[in-house]
C-alpha atoms as a PDB file:
ATOM      1  CA  MET A   1      -2.046  -1.226   0.289  1.00  0.00           C
ATOM      2  CA  GLU A   2      -5.485  -0.208   0.698  1.00  0.00           C
ATOM      3  CA  GLY A   3      -8.688  -0.800  -1.381  1.00  0.00           C
ATOM      4  CA  ALA A   4      -9.851  -4.062  -2.872  1.00  0.00           C
ATOM      5  CA  ARG A   5      -7.828  -6.921  -2.613  1.00  0.00           C
ATOM      6  CA  HIS A   6      -5.446  -7.593  -5.465  1.00  0.00           C
ATOM      7  CA  PRO A   7      -5.721 -11.085  -7.260  1.00  0.00           C
ATOM      8  CA  ILE A   8      -1.980 -11.709  -6.509  1.00  0.00           C
ATOM      9  CA  ASP A   9      -2.860 -11.377  -2.776  1.00  0.00           C
ATOM     10  CA  PHE A  10      -4.001 -15.092  -3.217  1.00  0.00           C
ATOM     11  CA  TYR A  11      -0.324 -16.123  -3.377  1.00  0.00           C
ATOM     12  CA  LYS A  12       1.647 -13.797  -0.522  1.00  0.00           C
ATOM     13  CA  GLN A  13       1.884 -16.610   1.827  1.00  0.00           C
ATOM     14  CA  GLN A  14       3.189 -19.006  -0.893  1.00  0.00           C
ATOM     15  CA  VAL A  15       5.851 -16.790  -1.956  1.00  0.00           C
ATOM     16  CA  GLU A  16       7.082 -15.878   1.244  1.00  0.00           C
ATOM     17  CA  PRO A  17      10.229 -17.298   0.652  1.00  0.00           C
ATOM     18  CA  ALA A  18      10.991 -15.428  -2.290  1.00  0.00           C
ATOM     19  CA  LEU A  19      10.282 -12.094  -0.453  1.00  0.00           C
ATOM     20  CA  GLN A  20      12.443 -13.219   2.157  1.00  0.00           C
ATOM     21  CA  SER A  21      15.467 -13.846  -0.402  1.00  0.00           C
ATOM     22  CA  LYS A  22      14.813 -10.400  -1.985  1.00  0.00           C
ATOM     23  CA  MET A  23      14.734  -8.674   1.175  1.00  0.00           C
ATOM     24  CA  GLU A  24      17.906 -10.424   2.338  1.00  0.00           C
ATOM     25  CA  GLU A  25      19.536  -9.427  -1.060  1.00  0.00           C
ATOM     26  CA  PHE A  26      18.463  -5.725  -0.518  1.00  0.00           C
ATOM     27  CA  LYS A  27      19.901  -6.037   2.851  1.00  0.00           C
ATOM     28  CA  LEU A  28      23.122  -7.470   1.706  1.00  0.00           C
ATOM     29  CA  LEU A  29      23.482  -4.297  -0.780  1.00  0.00           C
ATOM     30  CA  GLY A  30      23.121  -2.022   2.425  1.00  0.00           C
ATOM     31  CA  TYR A  31      19.215  -1.341   2.363  1.00  0.00           C
ATOM     32  CA  ASP A  32      18.667  -2.202   6.020  1.00  0.00           C
ATOM     33  CA  ARG A  33      15.328  -1.095   6.576  1.00  0.00           C
ATOM     34  CA  VAL A  34      13.482  -3.557   3.728  1.00  0.00           C
ATOM     35  CA  THR A  35      10.346  -5.187   4.834  1.00  0.00           C
ATOM     36  CA  MET A  36       8.339  -7.674   3.503  1.00  0.00           C
ATOM     37  CA  GLU A  37       5.387  -5.765   3.498  1.00  0.00           C
ATOM     38  CA  GLU A  38       6.853  -2.917   1.483  1.00  0.00           C
ATOM     39  CA  LEU A  39       8.144  -5.295  -0.610  1.00  0.00           C
ATOM     40  CA  TRP A  40       5.110  -6.796  -1.430  1.00  0.00           C
ATOM     41  CA  ASP A  41       3.212  -3.060  -1.937  1.00  0.00           C
ATOM     42  CA  CYS A  42       6.091  -2.190  -4.033  1.00  0.00           C
ATOM     43  CA  LEU A  43       5.615  -5.135  -6.072  1.00  0.00           C
ATOM     44  CA  GLN A  44       1.670  -4.505  -6.414  1.00  0.00           C
ATOM     45  CA  VAL A  45       2.409  -0.788  -7.290  1.00  0.00           C
ATOM     46  CA  LYS A  46       5.212  -1.301  -9.644  1.00  0.00           C
ATOM     47  CA  LYS A  47       4.815  -4.937 -11.186  1.00  0.00           C
ATOM     48  CA  TRP A  48       1.323  -6.032 -10.710  1.00  0.00           C
ATOM     49  CA  LYS A  49      -0.399  -2.269 -11.842  1.00  0.00           C
ATOM     50  CA  LYS A  50      -2.887  -4.336 -13.856  1.00  0.00           C
ATOM     51  CA  LYS A  51      -5.224  -6.182 -11.661  1.00  0.00           C
ATOM     52  CA  GLU A  52      -4.820  -9.371 -13.592  1.00  0.00           C
ATOM     53  CA  ASP A  53      -4.318 -13.341 -12.591  1.00  0.00           C
ATOM     54  CA  LYS A  54      -0.843 -14.609 -12.659  1.00  0.00           C
ATOM     55  CA  GLN A  55       0.687 -18.030 -12.385  1.00  0.00           C
ATOM     56  CA  LEU A  56       2.827 -18.599  -9.239  1.00  0.00           C
ATOM     57  CA  HIS A  57       5.948 -18.920 -10.969  1.00  0.00           C
ATOM     58  CA  GLU A  58       4.851 -15.563 -12.763  1.00  0.00           C
ATOM     59  CA  VAL A  59       4.873 -13.802  -9.333  1.00  0.00           C
ATOM     60  CA  VAL A  60       8.018 -15.541  -7.910  1.00  0.00           C
ATOM     61  CA  ALA A  61       9.868 -14.336 -11.077  1.00  0.00           C
ATOM     62  CA  ASP A  62       8.261 -10.733 -10.782  1.00  0.00           C
ATOM     63  CA  ILE A  63       9.798 -10.753  -6.892  1.00  0.00           C
ATOM     64  CA  LEU A  64      13.208 -12.096  -7.948  1.00  0.00           C
ATOM     65  CA  SER A  65      13.422  -9.435 -10.780  1.00  0.00           C
ATOM     66  CA  LEU A  66      12.653  -6.662  -8.601  1.00  0.00           C
ATOM     67  CA  LYS A  67      15.448  -3.840  -8.639  1.00  0.00           C
ATOM     68  CA  VAL A  68      16.833  -1.952  -5.824  1.00  0.00           C
ATOM     69  CA  SER A  69      15.953   1.255  -8.127  1.00  0.00           C
ATOM     70  CA  GLU A  70      12.565   0.126  -8.533  1.00  0.00           C
ATOM     71  CA  TYR A  71      11.850  -0.322  -4.846  1.00  0.00           C
ATOM     72  CA  MET A  72      13.740   3.257  -3.956  1.00  0.00           C
ATOM     73  CA  SER A  73      11.478   4.857  -6.761  1.00  0.00           C
ATOM     74  CA  TYR A  74       8.385   3.404  -4.926  1.00  0.00           C
ATOM     75  CA  LEU A  75       9.443   4.565  -1.315  1.00  0.00           C
ATOM     76  CA  THR A  76      10.375   7.968  -2.658  1.00  0.00           C
ATOM     77  CA  ILE A  77       6.808   8.604  -4.323  1.00  0.00           C
ATOM     78  CA  GLU A  78       5.212   6.768  -1.215  1.00  0.00           C
ATOM     79  CA  ALA A  79       7.247   9.479   0.893  1.00  0.00           C
ATOM     80  CA  PHE A  80       5.578  12.533  -1.274  1.00  0.00           C
ATOM     81  CA  LYS A  81       2.046  11.079  -0.893  1.00  0.00           C
ATOM     82  CA  GLY A  82       2.630  10.900   3.257  1.00  0.00           C
ATOM     83  CA  PRO A  83       0.671  13.437   5.476  1.00  0.00           C
ATOM     84  CA  ASP A  84       1.529  17.053   5.287  1.00  0.00           C
ATOM     85  CA  TYR A  85       3.416  17.659   8.501  1.00  0.00           C
ATOM     86  CA  PHE A  86       3.092  21.635   8.212  1.00  0.00           C
ATOM     87  CA  SER A  87      -0.522  21.208   8.462  1.00  0.00           C
ATOM     88  CA  GLN A  88      -0.395  20.263  12.310  1.00  0.00           C
ATOM     89  CA  TYR A  89       1.737  23.458  13.038  1.00  0.00           C
ATOM     90  CA  PHE A  90       0.089  25.917  11.094  1.00  0.00           C
ATOM     91  CA  ASN A  91      -3.554  26.665   9.682  1.00  0.00           C
ATOM     92  CA  GLU A  92      -4.357  26.993   6.158  1.00  0.00           C
ATOM     93  CA  GLU A  93      -4.190  30.688   6.029  1.00  0.00           C
ATOM     94  CA  GLU A  94      -0.260  30.610   7.553  1.00  0.00           C
ATOM     95  CA  ILE A  95       0.934  28.366   4.784  1.00  0.00           C
END
């Protein structure tokens, strides 16, 4: 995630075991391409929209309560925000 640091970034290293657990849970459910970095970014967008301070236990609870549907929704929206692949093959007038 670009821009200013999120207050919860302070906990990232401490909550890696919870992120690892969530990643393994999603993989057991058939979502093999899950990464801890994508999970972290998803949590920042979906659960931690307001840049507020949280206690460590609240951050862990947010990680463990993340649903596959929230994660997939995040990935879908991020895919739509991605680069415009047509622009590399056509100029603006052709599009």
